[in-house]
Amino acid sequence: MNEINYKDYMDNDKKVYIPVLEVRRTDGSILPKALRWIDGTIYHIDKILGNEPAATLKGGGIGVRYRVIIEGREKELWLEEDKWFVIKK
């Protein structure tokens, strides 16, 4: 797999855009299934705990916040229009 340039994924110093494998259902719902981190590692989403429209204060912007379980840990994954991102800690 090719080396990924970290800067290509940054919108600001907190928001990191990432590729996400998703399923779009006929009812319009979107289910994230896996994500590719900036180092190329693929993480499978074990469970979706919920999603709701929200504003991200740290990263700036409005989107849909998905609370997910990845490798036993709760994480937040954001969908802004058609782009997925996470907030860098």
PDB file of N, CA and C in Angstrom:
ATOM      1  N   MET A   1       0.833  -1.176   0.000  1.00  0.00           N
ATOM      2  CA  MET A   1       0.000   0.000   0.000  1.00  0.00           C
ATOM      3  C   MET A   1       0.878   1.238   0.000  1.00  0.00           C
ATOM      4  N   ASN A   2       0.481   2.240  -0.754  1.00  0.00           N
ATOM      5  CA  ASN A   2       1.274   3.460  -0.862  1.00  0.00           C
ATOM      6  C   ASN A   2       1.298   4.240   0.442  1.00  0.00           C
ATOM      7  N   GLU A   3       2.378   4.980   0.655  1.00  0.00           N
ATOM      8  CA  GLU A   3       2.506   5.854   1.818  1.00  0.00           C
ATOM      9  C   GLU A   3       1.472   6.973   1.716  1.00  0.00           C
ATOM     10  N   ILE A   4       0.824   7.280   2.820  1.00  0.00           N
ATOM     11  CA  ILE A   4      -0.200   8.311   2.848  1.00  0.00           C
ATOM     12  C   ILE A   4       0.389   9.570   3.453  1.00  0.00           C
ATOM     13  N   ASN A   5       0.180  10.699   2.797  1.00  0.00           N
ATOM     14  CA  ASN A   5       0.649  11.973   3.324  1.00  0.00           C
ATOM     15  C   ASN A   5      -0.386  12.491   4.311  1.00  0.00           C
ATOM     16  N   TYR A   6       0.003  12.571   5.571  1.00  0.00           N
ATOM     17  CA  TYR A   6      -0.869  13.000   6.647  1.00  0.00           C
ATOM     18  C   TYR A   6      -1.517  14.347   6.340  1.00  0.00           C
ATOM     19  N   LYS A   7      -0.784  15.276   5.763  1.00  0.00           N
ATOM     20  CA  LYS A   7      -1.296  16.617   5.464  1.00  0.00           C
ATOM     21  C   LYS A   7      -2.441  16.582   4.448  1.00  0.00           C
ATOM     22  N   ASP A   8      -2.469  15.572   3.581  1.00  0.00           N
ATOM     23  CA  ASP A   8      -3.550  15.462   2.601  1.00  0.00           C
ATOM     24  C   ASP A   8      -4.901  15.225   3.267  1.00  0.00           C
ATOM     25  N   TYR A   9      -4.892  14.717   4.482  1.00  0.00           N
ATOM     26  CA  TYR A   9      -6.120  14.368   5.176  1.00  0.00           C
ATOM     27  C   TYR A   9      -6.600  15.466   6.119  1.00  0.00           C
ATOM     28  N   MET A  10      -5.807  16.495   6.326  1.00  0.00           N
ATOM     29  CA  MET A  10      -6.125  17.519   7.319  1.00  0.00           C
ATOM     30  C   MET A  10      -6.939  18.652   6.712  1.00  0.00           C
ATOM     31  N   ASP A  11      -8.013  19.031   7.384  1.00  0.00           N
ATOM     32  CA  ASP A  11      -8.786  20.203   7.019  1.00  0.00           C
ATOM     33  C   ASP A  11      -8.362  21.371   7.909  1.00  0.00           C
ATOM     34  N   ASN A  12      -8.129  21.096   9.152  1.00  0.00           N
ATOM     35  CA  ASN A  12      -7.567  22.048  10.103  1.00  0.00           C
ATOM     36  C   ASN A  12      -6.710  21.227  11.065  1.00  0.00           C
ATOM     37  N   ASP A  13      -6.284  21.775  12.172  1.00  0.00           N
ATOM     38  CA  ASP A  13      -5.391  21.021  13.048  1.00  0.00           C
ATOM     39  C   ASP A  13      -6.100  19.940  13.852  1.00  0.00           C
ATOM     40  N   LYS A  14      -7.423  19.861  13.791  1.00  0.00           N
ATOM     41  CA  LYS A  14      -8.173  18.864  14.555  1.00  0.00           C
ATOM     42  C   LYS A  14      -8.952  17.864  13.698  1.00  0.00           C
ATOM     43  N   LYS A  15      -9.408  18.290  12.529  1.00  0.00           N
ATOM     44  CA  LYS A  15     -10.281  17.461  11.701  1.00  0.00           C
ATOM     45  C   LYS A  15      -9.441  16.660  10.711  1.00  0.00           C
ATOM     46  N   VAL A  16      -9.585  15.323  10.749  1.00  0.00           N
ATOM     47  CA  VAL A  16      -8.832  14.432   9.864  1.00  0.00           C
ATOM     48  C   VAL A  16      -9.826  13.648   9.003  1.00  0.00           C
ATOM     49  N   TYR A  17      -9.820  13.913   7.694  1.00  0.00           N
ATOM     50  CA  TYR A  17     -10.692  13.186   6.774  1.00  0.00           C
ATOM     51  C   TYR A  17     -10.091  11.816   6.479  1.00  0.00           C
ATOM     52  N   ILE A  18     -10.969  10.809   6.470  1.00  0.00           N
ATOM     53  CA  ILE A  18     -10.520   9.429   6.259  1.00  0.00           C
ATOM     54  C   ILE A  18     -11.480   8.705   5.317  1.00  0.00           C
ATOM     55  N   PRO A  19     -10.969   7.721   4.570  1.00  0.00           N
ATOM     56  CA  PRO A  19     -11.856   6.892   3.755  1.00  0.00           C
ATOM     57  C   PRO A  19     -12.627   5.925   4.650  1.00  0.00           C
ATOM     58  N   VAL A  20     -13.923   5.777   4.386  1.00  0.00           N
ATOM     59  CA  VAL A  20     -14.773   4.874   5.166  1.00  0.00           C
ATOM     60  C   VAL A  20     -15.550   3.993   4.205  1.00  0.00           C
ATOM     61  N   LEU A  21     -15.562   2.702   4.491  1.00  0.00           N
ATOM     62  CA  LEU A  21     -16.413   1.759   3.768  1.00  0.00           C
ATOM     63  C   LEU A  21     -17.792   1.852   4.403  1.00  0.00           C
ATOM     64  N   GLU A  22     -18.793   2.156   3.600  1.00  0.00           N
ATOM     65  CA  GLU A  22     -20.134   2.360   4.136  1.00  0.00           C
ATOM     66  C   GLU A  22     -21.156   1.575   3.330  1.00  0.00           C
ATOM     67  N   VAL A  23     -22.293   1.334   3.974  1.00  0.00           N
ATOM     68  CA  VAL A  23     -23.444   0.730   3.312  1.00  0.00           C
ATOM     69  C   VAL A  23     -24.552   1.772   3.333  1.00  0.00           C
ATOM     70  N   ARG A  24     -25.129   2.028   2.169  1.00  0.00           N
ATOM     71  CA  ARG A  24     -26.266   2.949   2.072  1.00  0.00           C
ATOM     72  C   ARG A  24     -27.513   2.115   1.809  1.00  0.00           C
ATOM     73  N   ARG A  25     -28.425   2.163   2.760  1.00  0.00           N
ATOM     74  CA  ARG A  25     -29.658   1.384   2.661  1.00  0.00           C
ATOM     75  C   ARG A  25     -30.697   2.098   1.796  1.00  0.00           C
ATOM     76  N   THR A  26     -31.676   1.350   1.348  1.00  0.00           N
ATOM     77  CA  THR A  26     -32.732   1.925   0.514  1.00  0.00           C
ATOM     78  C   THR A  26     -33.571   2.948   1.275  1.00  0.00           C
ATOM     79  N   ASP A  27     -33.591   2.881   2.602  1.00  0.00           N
ATOM     80  CA  ASP A  27     -34.341   3.864   3.394  1.00  0.00           C
ATOM     81  C   ASP A  27     -33.556   5.163   3.599  1.00  0.00           C
ATOM     82  N   GLY A  28     -32.333   5.231   3.042  1.00  0.00           N
ATOM     83  CA  GLY A  28     -31.520   6.437   3.145  1.00  0.00           C
ATOM     84  C   GLY A  28     -30.510   6.423   4.284  1.00  0.00           C
ATOM     85  N   SER A  29     -30.587   5.437   5.155  1.00  0.00           N
ATOM     86  CA  SER A  29     -29.632   5.388   6.267  1.00  0.00           C
ATOM     87  C   SER A  29     -28.255   4.959   5.766  1.00  0.00           C
ATOM     88  N   ILE A  30     -27.225   5.430   6.459  1.00  0.00           N
ATOM     89  CA  ILE A  30     -25.835   5.151   6.095  1.00  0.00           C
ATOM     90  C   ILE A  30     -25.170   4.443   7.261  1.00  0.00           C
ATOM     91  N   LEU A  31     -24.559   3.297   6.993  1.00  0.00           N
ATOM     92  CA  LEU A  31     -23.907   2.508   8.026  1.00  0.00           C
ATOM     93  C   LEU A  31     -22.413   2.392   7.730  1.00  0.00           C
ATOM     94  N   PRO A  32     -21.557   2.986   8.536  1.00  0.00           N
ATOM     95  CA  PRO A  32     -20.117   2.806   8.343  1.00  0.00           C
ATOM     96  C   PRO A  32     -19.706   1.398   8.766  1.00  0.00           C
ATOM     97  N   LYS A  33     -18.874   0.750   7.977  1.00  0.00           N
ATOM     98  CA  LYS A  33     -18.462  -0.628   8.257  1.00  0.00           C
ATOM     99  C   LYS A  33     -16.988  -0.746   8.622  1.00  0.00           C
ATOM    100  N   ALA A  34     -16.132   0.094   8.025  1.00  0.00           N
ATOM    101  CA  ALA A  34     -14.689   0.058   8.289  1.00  0.00           C
ATOM    102  C   ALA A  34     -14.106   1.401   7.889  1.00  0.00           C
ATOM    103  N   LEU A  35     -12.943   1.715   8.450  1.00  0.00           N
ATOM    104  CA  LEU A  35     -12.261   2.952   8.090  1.00  0.00           C
ATOM    105  C   LEU A  35     -10.784   2.676   7.885  1.00  0.00           C
ATOM    106  N   ARG A  36     -10.169   3.536   7.095  1.00  0.00           N
ATOM    107  CA  ARG A  36      -8.726   3.435   6.835  1.00  0.00           C
ATOM    108  C   ARG A  36      -8.054   4.641   7.462  1.00  0.00           C
ATOM    109  N   TRP A  37      -7.215   4.381   8.434  1.00  0.00           N
ATOM    110  CA  TRP A  37      -6.518   5.450   9.128  1.00  0.00           C
ATOM    111  C   TRP A  37      -5.415   6.003   8.239  1.00  0.00           C
ATOM    112  N   ILE A  38      -4.820   7.132   8.621  1.00  0.00           N
ATOM    113  CA  ILE A  38      -3.846   7.819   7.786  1.00  0.00           C
ATOM    114  C   ILE A  38      -2.579   7.026   7.541  1.00  0.00           C
ATOM    115  N   ASP A  39      -2.299   6.027   8.395  1.00  0.00           N
ATOM    116  CA  ASP A  39      -1.118   5.192   8.171  1.00  0.00           C
ATOM    117  C   ASP A  39      -1.431   3.976   7.294  1.00  0.00           C
ATOM    118  N   GLY A  40      -2.683   3.877   6.816  1.00  0.00           N
ATOM    119  CA  GLY A  40      -3.089   2.778   5.949  1.00  0.00           C
ATOM    120  C   GLY A  40      -3.760   1.629   6.672  1.00  0.00           C
ATOM    121  N   THR A  41      -3.766   1.639   7.985  1.00  0.00           N
ATOM    122  CA  THR A  41      -4.378   0.570   8.769  1.00  0.00           C
ATOM    123  C   THR A  41      -5.895   0.598   8.589  1.00  0.00           C
ATOM    124  N   ILE A  42      -6.480  -0.585   8.373  1.00  0.00           N
ATOM    125  CA  ILE A  42      -7.924  -0.734   8.244  1.00  0.00           C
ATOM    126  C   ILE A  42      -8.485  -1.143   9.607  1.00  0.00           C
ATOM    127  N   TYR A  43      -9.483  -0.412  10.065  1.00  0.00           N
ATOM    128  CA  TYR A  43     -10.170  -0.736  11.321  1.00  0.00           C
ATOM    129  C   TYR A  43     -11.622  -1.052  11.012  1.00  0.00           C
ATOM    130  N   HIS A  44     -12.086  -2.224  11.467  1.00  0.00           N
ATOM    131  CA  HIS A  44     -13.473  -2.621  11.273  1.00  0.00           C
ATOM    132  C   HIS A  44     -14.319  -2.067  12.408  1.00  0.00           C
ATOM    133  N   ILE A  45     -15.479  -1.590  12.073  1.00  0.00           N
ATOM    134  CA  ILE A  45     -16.403  -1.055  13.064  1.00  0.00           C
ATOM    135  C   ILE A  45     -17.219  -2.224  13.586  1.00  0.00           C
ATOM    136  N   ASP A  46     -17.050  -2.505  14.874  1.00  0.00           N
ATOM    137  CA  ASP A  46     -17.708  -3.655  15.487  1.00  0.00           C
ATOM    138  C   ASP A  46     -19.194  -3.411  15.732  1.00  0.00           C
ATOM    139  N   LYS A  47     -19.538  -2.167  16.098  1.00  0.00           N
ATOM    140  CA  LYS A  47     -20.915  -1.870  16.449  1.00  0.00           C
ATOM    141  C   LYS A  47     -21.171  -0.369  16.312  1.00  0.00           C
ATOM    142  N   ILE A  48     -22.349  -0.026  15.864  1.00  0.00           N
ATOM    143  CA  ILE A  48     -22.790   1.371  15.838  1.00  0.00           C
ATOM    144  C   ILE A  48     -23.708   1.566  17.033  1.00  0.00           C
ATOM    145  N   LEU A  49     -23.322   2.453  17.932  1.00  0.00           N
ATOM    146  CA  LEU A  49     -24.123   2.711  19.126  1.00  0.00           C
ATOM    147  C   LEU A  49     -25.242   3.713  18.861  1.00  0.00           C
ATOM    148  N   GLY A  50     -25.031   4.583  17.893  1.00  0.00           N
ATOM    149  CA  GLY A  50     -26.051   5.564  17.558  1.00  0.00           C
ATOM    150  C   GLY A  50     -25.493   6.636  16.657  1.00  0.00           C
ATOM    151  N   ASN A  51     -26.391   7.458  16.141  1.00  0.00           N
ATOM    152  CA  ASN A  51     -25.974   8.602  15.336  1.00  0.00           C
ATOM    153  C   ASN A  51     -26.998   9.706  15.492  1.00  0.00           C
ATOM    154  N   GLU A  52     -26.527  10.949  15.412  1.00  0.00           N
ATOM    155  CA  GLU A  52     -27.403  12.100  15.524  1.00  0.00           C
ATOM    156  C   GLU A  52     -26.727  13.309  14.891  1.00  0.00           C
ATOM    157  N   PRO A  53     -27.532  14.226  14.343  1.00  0.00           N
ATOM    158  CA  PRO A  53     -26.959  15.478  13.836  1.00  0.00           C
ATOM    159  C   PRO A  53     -26.310  16.232  15.001  1.00  0.00           C
ATOM    160  N   ALA A  54     -25.145  16.802  14.753  1.00  0.00           N
ATOM    161  CA  ALA A  54     -24.431  17.492  15.823  1.00  0.00           C
ATOM    162  C   ALA A  54     -23.412  18.453  15.234  1.00  0.00           C
ATOM    163  N   ALA A  55     -22.956  19.360  16.071  1.00  0.00           N
ATOM    164  CA  ALA A  55     -21.868  20.270  15.720  1.00  0.00           C
ATOM    165  C   ALA A  55     -20.618  19.808  16.453  1.00  0.00           C
ATOM    166  N   THR A  56     -19.493  19.838  15.776  1.00  0.00           N
ATOM    167  CA  THR A  56     -18.243  19.496  16.425  1.00  0.00           C
ATOM    168  C   THR A  56     -17.532  20.787  16.819  1.00  0.00           C
ATOM    169  N   LEU A  57     -17.422  21.001  18.105  1.00  0.00           N
ATOM    170  CA  LEU A  57     -16.817  22.224  18.599  1.00  0.00           C
ATOM    171  C   LEU A  57     -15.308  22.228  18.396  1.00  0.00           C
ATOM    172  N   LYS A  58     -14.669  21.075  18.555  1.00  0.00           N
ATOM    173  CA  LYS A  58     -13.213  21.004  18.405  1.00  0.00           C
ATOM    174  C   LYS A  58     -12.766  21.124  16.957  1.00  0.00           C
ATOM    175  N   GLY A  59     -13.497  20.485  16.051  1.00  0.00           N
ATOM    176  CA  GLY A  59     -13.086  20.465  14.649  1.00  0.00           C
ATOM    177  C   GLY A  59     -13.750  21.522  13.797  1.00  0.00           C
ATOM    178  N   GLY A  60     -14.839  22.078  14.293  1.00  0.00           N
ATOM    179  CA  GLY A  60     -15.584  23.050  13.502  1.00  0.00           C
ATOM    180  C   GLY A  60     -16.441  22.362  12.467  1.00  0.00           C
ATOM    181  N   GLY A  61     -17.657  22.798  12.334  1.00  0.00           N
ATOM    182  CA  GLY A  61     -18.547  22.234  11.331  1.00  0.00           C
ATOM    183  C   GLY A  61     -19.723  21.503  11.946  1.00  0.00           C
ATOM    184  N   ILE A  62     -20.634  21.119  11.068  1.00  0.00           N
ATOM    185  CA  ILE A  62     -21.851  20.408  11.456  1.00  0.00           C
ATOM    186  C   ILE A  62     -21.945  19.160  10.602  1.00  0.00           C
ATOM    187  N   GLY A  63     -22.413  18.073  11.209  1.00  0.00           N
ATOM    188  CA  GLY A  63     -22.570  16.839  10.467  1.00  0.00           C
ATOM    189  C   GLY A  63     -23.366  15.847  11.278  1.00  0.00           C
ATOM    190  N   VAL A  64     -23.195  14.584  10.959  1.00  0.00           N
ATOM    191  CA  VAL A  64     -23.822  13.507  11.708  1.00  0.00           C
ATOM    192  C   VAL A  64     -22.722  12.812  12.498  1.00  0.00           C
ATOM    193  N   ARG A  65     -22.907  12.759  13.807  1.00  0.00           N
ATOM    194  CA  ARG A  65     -21.933  12.082  14.677  1.00  0.00           C
ATOM    195  C   ARG A  65     -22.382  10.646  14.883  1.00  0.00           C
ATOM    196  N   TYR A  66     -21.482   9.710  14.545  1.00  0.00           N
ATOM    197  CA  TYR A  66     -21.714   8.293  14.788  1.00  0.00           C
ATOM    198  C   TYR A  66     -20.869   7.881  15.986  1.00  0.00           C
ATOM    199  N   ARG A  67     -21.509   7.300  16.973  1.00  0.00           N
ATOM    200  CA  ARG A  67     -20.768   6.709  18.091  1.00  0.00           C
ATOM    201  C   ARG A  67     -20.622   5.227  17.762  1.00  0.00           C
ATOM    202  N   VAL A  68     -19.376   4.775  17.665  1.00  0.00           N
ATOM    203  CA  VAL A  68     -19.090   3.407  17.217  1.00  0.00           C
ATOM    204  C   VAL A  68     -18.129   2.711  18.173  1.00  0.00           C
ATOM    205  N   ILE A  69     -18.112   1.402  18.083  1.00  0.00           N
ATOM    206  CA  ILE A  69     -17.140   0.584  18.812  1.00  0.00           C
ATOM    207  C   ILE A  69     -16.142   0.048  17.795  1.00  0.00           C
ATOM    208  N   ILE A  70     -14.850   0.336  18.035  1.00  0.00           N
ATOM    209  CA  ILE A  70     -13.756  -0.170  17.216  1.00  0.00           C
ATOM    210  C   ILE A  70     -12.753  -0.804  18.165  1.00  0.00           C
ATOM    211  N   GLU A  71     -12.495  -2.086  17.966  1.00  0.00           N
ATOM    212  CA  GLU A  71     -11.557  -2.830  18.813  1.00  0.00           C
ATOM    213  C   GLU A  71     -11.870  -2.645  20.298  1.00  0.00           C
ATOM    214  N   GLY A  72     -13.152  -2.707  20.631  1.00  0.00           N
ATOM    215  CA  GLY A  72     -13.580  -2.644  22.020  1.00  0.00           C
ATOM    216  C   GLY A  72     -13.620  -1.256  22.633  1.00  0.00           C
ATOM    217  N   ARG A  73     -13.330  -0.221  21.856  1.00  0.00           N
ATOM    218  CA  ARG A  73     -13.305   1.145  22.386  1.00  0.00           C
ATOM    219  C   ARG A  73     -14.324   2.023  21.671  1.00  0.00           C
ATOM    220  N   GLU A  74     -14.997   2.868  22.444  1.00  0.00           N
ATOM    221  CA  GLU A  74     -15.972   3.777  21.857  1.00  0.00           C
ATOM    222  C   GLU A  74     -15.258   4.955  21.201  1.00  0.00           C
ATOM    223  N   LYS A  75     -15.646   5.248  19.983  1.00  0.00           N
ATOM    224  CA  LYS A  75     -15.058   6.337  19.202  1.00  0.00           C
ATOM    225  C   LYS A  75     -16.170   7.145  18.555  1.00  0.00           C
ATOM    226  N   GLU A  76     -15.835   8.357  18.112  1.00  0.00           N
ATOM    227  CA  GLU A  76     -16.756   9.182  17.337  1.00  0.00           C
ATOM    228  C   GLU A  76     -16.252   9.291  15.907  1.00  0.00           C
ATOM    229  N   LEU A  77     -17.163   9.078  14.985  1.00  0.00           N
ATOM    230  CA  LEU A  77     -16.892   9.174  13.563  1.00  0.00           C
ATOM    231  C   LEU A  77     -17.928  10.140  13.007  1.00  0.00           C
ATOM    232  N   TRP A  78     -17.491  11.088  12.204  1.00  0.00           N
ATOM    233  CA  TRP A  78     -18.367  12.152  11.709  1.00  0.00           C
ATOM    234  C   TRP A  78     -18.565  12.047  10.206  1.00  0.00           C
ATOM    235  N   LEU A  79     -19.785  12.329   9.768  1.00  0.00           N
ATOM    236  CA  LEU A  79     -20.110  12.412   8.345  1.00  0.00           C
ATOM    237  C   LEU A  79     -20.561  13.837   8.063  1.00  0.00           C
ATOM    238  N   GLU A  80     -19.815  14.518   7.192  1.00  0.00           N
ATOM    239  CA  GLU A  80     -20.090  15.903   6.815  1.00  0.00           C
ATOM    240  C   GLU A  80     -20.344  15.910   5.316  1.00  0.00           C
ATOM    241  N   GLU A  81     -21.599  16.103   4.934  1.00  0.00           N
ATOM    242  CA  GLU A  81     -22.027  15.953   3.549  1.00  0.00           C
ATOM    243  C   GLU A  81     -21.651  14.537   3.101  1.00  0.00           C
ATOM    244  N   ASP A  82     -20.678  14.363   2.198  1.00  0.00           N
ATOM    245  CA  ASP A  82     -20.269  13.007   1.791  1.00  0.00           C
ATOM    246  C   ASP A  82     -18.853  12.673   2.225  1.00  0.00           C
ATOM    247  N   LYS A  83     -18.314  13.397   3.204  1.00  0.00           N
ATOM    248  CA  LYS A  83     -16.944  13.161   3.657  1.00  0.00           C
ATOM    249  C   LYS A  83     -16.954  12.731   5.129  1.00  0.00           C
ATOM    250  N   TRP A  84     -16.169  11.702   5.423  1.00  0.00           N
ATOM    251  CA  TRP A  84     -16.030  11.189   6.774  1.00  0.00           C
ATOM    252  C   TRP A  84     -14.789  11.803   7.429  1.00  0.00           C
ATOM    253  N   PHE A  85     -14.876  12.074   8.724  1.00  0.00           N
ATOM    254  CA  PHE A  85     -13.708  12.552   9.453  1.00  0.00           C
ATOM    255  C   PHE A  85     -13.767  12.147  10.914  1.00  0.00           C
ATOM    256  N   VAL A  86     -12.629  12.233  11.568  1.00  0.00           N
ATOM    257  CA  VAL A  86     -12.511  12.051  13.006  1.00  0.00           C
ATOM    258  C   VAL A  86     -11.838  13.307  13.554  1.00  0.00           C
ATOM    259  N   ILE A  87     -11.976  13.498  14.851  1.00  0.00           N
ATOM    260  CA  ILE A  87     -11.327  14.624  15.518  1.00  0.00           C
ATOM    261  C   ILE A  87     -10.048  14.108  16.165  1.00  0.00           C
ATOM    262  N   LYS A  88      -8.939  14.707  15.781  1.00  0.00           N
ATOM    263  CA  LYS A  88      -7.632  14.330  16.320  1.00  0.00           C
ATOM    264  C   LYS A  88      -7.521  14.828  17.740  1.00  0.00           C
ATOM    265  N   LYS A  89      -7.002  13.975  18.603  1.00  0.00           N
ATOM    266  CA  LYS A  89      -6.837  14.366  20.007  1.00  0.00           C
ATOM    267  C   LYS A  89      -5.534  15.065  20.224  1.00  0.00           C
TER     268      LYS A  89
END
